[in-house]
Protein backbone atom coordinates (compact mmCIF):
# COMPACT_ATOMS: atom_id res chain seq x y z
CA MET A 1 -31.45 -95.43 24.86
CA LYS A 2 -32.69 -96.50 21.44
CA GLY A 3 -30.15 -97.99 19.05
CA ILE A 4 -29.48 -96.35 15.69
CA PHE A 5 -29.21 -98.31 12.44
CA ILE A 6 -27.09 -96.57 9.78
CA THR A 7 -26.41 -98.05 6.34
CA LEU A 8 -23.92 -97.03 3.65
CA GLU A 9 -25.13 -97.63 0.10
CA GLY A 10 -23.94 -97.00 -3.43
CA PRO A 11 -22.57 -98.68 -6.55
CA ASP A 12 -19.43 -100.83 -6.45
CA GLY A 13 -16.39 -98.57 -6.15
CA SER A 14 -18.26 -95.57 -4.74
CA GLY A 15 -15.99 -95.45 -1.68
CA LYS A 16 -18.26 -96.99 0.96
CA SER A 17 -15.56 -99.15 2.53
CA THR A 18 -13.08 -96.28 2.77
CA ILE A 19 -15.61 -93.92 4.34
CA MET A 20 -16.71 -96.67 6.71
CA GLU A 21 -13.12 -96.89 8.00
CA TYR A 22 -13.09 -93.12 8.59
CA ILE A 23 -16.44 -93.22 10.39
CA VAL A 24 -15.33 -96.14 12.58
CA THR A 25 -12.18 -94.25 13.59
CA TYR A 26 -14.25 -91.15 14.37
CA LEU A 27 -16.76 -93.02 16.55
CA LYS A 28 -13.94 -94.79 18.39
CA GLU A 29 -12.36 -91.44 19.18
CA LYS A 30 -15.74 -90.23 20.46
CA LYS A 31 -16.00 -93.41 22.57
CA MET A 32 -19.38 -94.26 21.06
CA ASP A 33 -20.96 -97.67 21.66
CA PHE A 34 -21.23 -99.13 18.16
CA ILE A 35 -20.59 -102.06 15.85
CA TRP A 36 -19.73 -102.06 12.16
CA THR A 37 -20.53 -104.79 9.71
CA ARG A 38 -21.16 -105.54 6.03
CA GLU A 39 -23.41 -107.35 3.57
CA PRO A 40 -23.42 -109.93 2.28
CA GLY A 41 -21.74 -111.38 5.33
CA GLY A 42 -21.45 -110.01 8.84
CA THR A 43 -21.83 -113.41 10.51
CA GLU A 44 -20.06 -116.75 10.16
CA ILE A 45 -22.95 -118.14 8.10
CA GLY A 46 -23.28 -114.90 6.15
CA GLU A 47 -19.61 -114.87 5.20
CA LYS A 48 -19.91 -118.41 3.81
CA ILE A 49 -22.88 -117.28 1.72
CA ARG A 50 -20.87 -114.25 0.58
CA LYS A 51 -18.14 -116.51 -0.82
CA ILE A 52 -20.72 -118.43 -2.83
CA ILE A 53 -22.35 -115.27 -4.20
CA LEU A 54 -19.14 -113.55 -5.26
CA ASP A 55 -17.16 -116.59 -6.44
CA GLU A 56 -16.17 -116.09 -10.09
CA GLU A 57 -16.64 -119.79 -10.75
CA ASN A 58 -20.38 -119.51 -10.09
CA LYS A 59 -21.07 -117.90 -13.47
CA ASN A 60 -24.18 -120.01 -14.02
CA MET A 61 -25.90 -118.80 -10.85
CA ALA A 62 -29.55 -117.97 -11.59
CA ALA A 63 -30.72 -114.47 -10.72
CA GLU A 64 -33.36 -115.94 -8.41
CA THR A 65 -30.71 -117.97 -6.57
CA GLU A 66 -28.56 -114.86 -6.18
CA ALA A 67 -31.46 -112.87 -4.72
CA LEU A 68 -32.40 -115.62 -2.28
CA LEU A 69 -28.79 -116.04 -1.12
CA TYR A 70 -28.55 -112.31 -0.37
CA ALA A 71 -31.83 -112.48 1.56
CA ALA A 72 -30.65 -115.56 3.49
CA SER A 73 -27.42 -113.84 4.49
CA ARG A 74 -29.37 -110.74 5.49
CA GLY A 75 -31.87 -112.68 7.57
CA GLN A 76 -29.08 -114.32 9.57
CA HIS A 77 -27.31 -110.97 9.88
CA VAL A 78 -30.38 -109.23 11.28
CA GLN A 79 -31.23 -111.96 13.78
CA GLU A 80 -27.69 -112.70 14.97
CA LYS A 81 -26.02 -109.31 14.95
CA ILE A 82 -28.08 -106.25 14.00
CA LEU A 83 -31.19 -106.65 16.16
CA PRO A 84 -29.30 -107.67 19.33
CA ALA A 85 -27.01 -104.64 19.01
CA LEU A 86 -29.94 -102.27 18.46
CA LYS A 87 -31.75 -103.71 21.48
CA GLU A 88 -28.64 -102.93 23.53
CA GLY A 89 -28.85 -99.30 22.39
CA LYS A 90 -25.80 -99.45 20.12
CA ILE A 91 -25.13 -97.65 16.86
CA VAL A 92 -25.05 -100.20 14.03
CA LEU A 93 -23.06 -99.26 10.91
CA CYS A 94 -23.68 -101.55 7.97
CA GLU A 95 -22.13 -101.47 4.50
CA ARG A 96 -25.09 -102.30 2.21
CA PHE A 97 -28.59 -103.44 3.14
CA ILE A 98 -31.89 -104.04 1.35
CA LEU A 99 -31.50 -101.08 -1.05
CA SER A 100 -28.61 -102.93 -2.71
CA SER A 101 -30.75 -106.01 -3.33
CA LEU A 102 -33.53 -103.91 -4.84
CA ALA A 103 -31.04 -102.22 -7.17
CA TYR A 104 -28.85 -105.19 -8.13
CA GLN A 105 -31.35 -108.04 -8.21
CA GLY A 106 -34.66 -106.22 -8.50
CA ILE A 107 -33.57 -103.91 -11.32
CA GLY A 108 -30.13 -105.04 -12.51
CA ARG A 109 -31.20 -108.70 -12.74
CA LYS A 110 -34.75 -107.67 -13.74
CA LEU A 111 -36.45 -109.75 -11.06
CA GLY A 112 -38.70 -106.86 -10.07
CA ILE A 113 -38.52 -104.45 -7.15
CA GLU A 114 -41.64 -105.79 -5.45
CA GLU A 115 -40.57 -109.42 -5.78
CA VAL A 116 -37.14 -108.78 -4.23
CA ARG A 117 -38.64 -106.56 -1.54
CA MET A 118 -41.04 -109.33 -0.51
CA ILE A 119 -38.37 -112.00 0.03
CA ASN A 120 -36.27 -109.50 1.97
CA ASP A 121 -39.19 -108.36 4.12
CA PHE A 122 -39.64 -111.99 5.17
CA ALA A 123 -35.93 -112.19 6.03
CA ILE A 124 -35.57 -108.95 7.98
CA LYS A 125 -38.94 -108.81 9.76
CA GLY A 126 -39.61 -105.18 8.89
CA ILE A 127 -36.38 -103.63 10.20
CA ARG A 128 -35.40 -100.46 8.32
CA PRO A 129 -32.39 -98.12 8.61
CA ASP A 130 -32.75 -94.93 10.62
CA LEU A 131 -30.30 -93.32 8.20
CA THR A 132 -29.00 -94.37 4.79
CA LEU A 133 -26.00 -92.58 3.30
CA PHE A 134 -26.00 -93.05 -0.46
CA PHE A 135 -22.69 -92.36 -2.21
CA TYR A 136 -23.42 -90.98 -5.65
CA VAL A 137 -20.89 -91.51 -8.46
CA ASP A 138 -21.02 -92.45 -12.16
CA PRO A 139 -20.86 -96.24 -12.76
CA ALA A 140 -18.01 -95.99 -15.30
CA THR A 141 -15.88 -94.25 -12.66
CA THR A 142 -16.72 -96.79 -9.98
CA LEU A 143 -15.93 -99.77 -12.21
CA ASN A 144 -12.53 -98.33 -13.07
CA ARG A 145 -11.80 -97.86 -9.36
CA LYS A 146 -12.66 -101.45 -8.50
CA THR A 147 -10.82 -103.13 -11.36
CA GLU A 148 -7.73 -101.01 -10.70
CA GLN A 149 -7.72 -102.06 -7.04
CA ARG A 150 -8.06 -105.78 -7.80
CA GLY A 151 -9.47 -108.14 -10.38
CA GLY A 152 -13.02 -107.75 -9.16
CA ASP A 153 -15.54 -110.36 -7.97
CA ARG A 154 -18.33 -112.01 -9.95
CA LEU A 155 -20.70 -109.04 -9.74
CA GLU A 156 -18.02 -106.42 -10.28
CA LYS A 157 -17.01 -108.18 -13.48
CA GLU A 158 -20.48 -107.79 -14.99
CA GLY A 159 -20.45 -105.50 -18.03
CA ILE A 160 -20.91 -101.74 -17.97
CA ASP A 161 -24.52 -102.13 -19.20
CA PHE A 162 -25.42 -104.11 -16.08
CA HIS A 163 -23.80 -101.55 -13.79
CA ARG A 164 -25.50 -98.67 -15.57
CA GLU A 165 -28.81 -100.48 -15.08
CA VAL A 166 -28.03 -100.83 -11.37
CA TYR A 167 -27.06 -97.15 -11.18
CA HIS A 168 -30.31 -96.02 -12.80
CA GLY A 169 -32.10 -98.45 -10.52
CA TYR A 170 -30.62 -96.75 -7.49
CA MET A 171 -31.80 -93.38 -8.80
CA LYS A 172 -35.33 -94.74 -9.20
CA LEU A 173 -35.27 -96.28 -5.73
CA LEU A 174 -34.06 -93.06 -4.12
CA ASP A 175 -37.14 -91.36 -5.57
CA MET A 176 -39.39 -94.18 -4.39
CA TYR A 177 -37.93 -94.45 -0.88
CA PRO A 178 -36.57 -91.01 0.10
CA GLU A 179 -37.24 -91.49 3.82
CA ASN A 180 -34.16 -91.27 6.05
CA THR A 181 -31.84 -91.18 3.01
CA GLN A 182 -29.09 -88.63 2.35
CA ILE A 183 -27.29 -88.45 -0.99
CA ILE A 184 -23.56 -87.65 -0.88
CA ASP A 185 -21.45 -86.65 -3.88
CA ALA A 186 -18.73 -89.32 -3.83
CA THR A 187 -16.72 -87.62 -6.59
CA LYS A 188 -15.41 -85.14 -4.02
CA SER A 189 -12.31 -85.70 -1.92
CA ILE A 190 -12.37 -88.39 0.77
CA GLU A 191 -12.17 -85.68 3.42
CA GLU A 192 -15.20 -83.85 2.01
CA VAL A 193 -17.22 -87.05 1.68
CA PHE A 194 -16.32 -88.01 5.25
CA GLU A 195 -17.27 -84.58 6.62
CA GLN A 196 -20.64 -84.74 4.88
CA SER A 197 -21.24 -88.25 6.22
CA ILE A 198 -20.41 -87.24 9.78
CA TYR A 199 -22.70 -84.22 9.50
CA TYR A 200 -25.69 -86.47 8.86
CA ILE A 201 -24.64 -89.02 11.47
CA GLU A 202 -24.20 -86.34 14.13
CA ASN A 203 -27.64 -84.95 13.29
CA ILE A 204 -29.41 -88.25 13.83
CA LEU A 205 -27.47 -88.92 17.05
CA LYS A 206 -28.41 -85.48 18.31
CA ARG A 207 -32.10 -86.13 17.61
CA ARG A 208 -31.88 -89.44 19.45
CA ASN A 209 -30.29 -87.82 22.49
CA GLU A 210 -32.95 -85.10 22.58
CA LYS A 211 -35.78 -87.63 22.90
C-alpha cells in the first residue's frame, strides 16, 4: 500500500503542535501505521541544525544562510526518515515542510519564492505532500500565543511586520499552489480544528484504500 505524506503548516502560534498531538492520539487509537515528525529537525543531524537556526544568539545570521540551513535539515529529513517510511507504506505526519521555507525565507526574508524553491527541490528530490493542512489565523494573535507560552525563539522574536509579511506570503502561496491543500480556521476551538483536520485526513486515507 502506498504511503501518505501529510504536512501541517501555518504561522507560528497557529496551533499546529497541539493539533498534531490530537491527530497522533487519534491514529494510535485507530492502530494506524504512521510516524510523526517536525521541521526543522526530525533527525539527529536535523535537530542540531534546528538549534543553530533558532538560537537567539545567532542574530547576525544571513537570510541566505538561514534558507540553506533549512534546506539542509530538510534534505537529511527526507532521505533518512520521510522517504523510507513512505516506501514502507506508512502515514507520515510532518509539522512544517517546504511551504514554510517559501513563506519565511522566500517572502519574509525577501530571497524570492523561486530561489528558495530551487534549493529545496535539490534537497528533497521532488517529494511533495499528498495533503497539506494549513491553519489560518491572524499573525498578531499567533505572536501573542507564542510569547505568552514562552520567550520565543529567534524567528518568533522577529517584529510584527516580519510576521505579517510571512502571513501575506502564505496567502499568496496558497493561491499559487492550491493542490492537495486544505485551509482550516484555527481561530475556532481546538476540538473543532481537530475535527476538521481529521475529516480531511480520513478522506485521503479512504481514497488510498479504494485504489
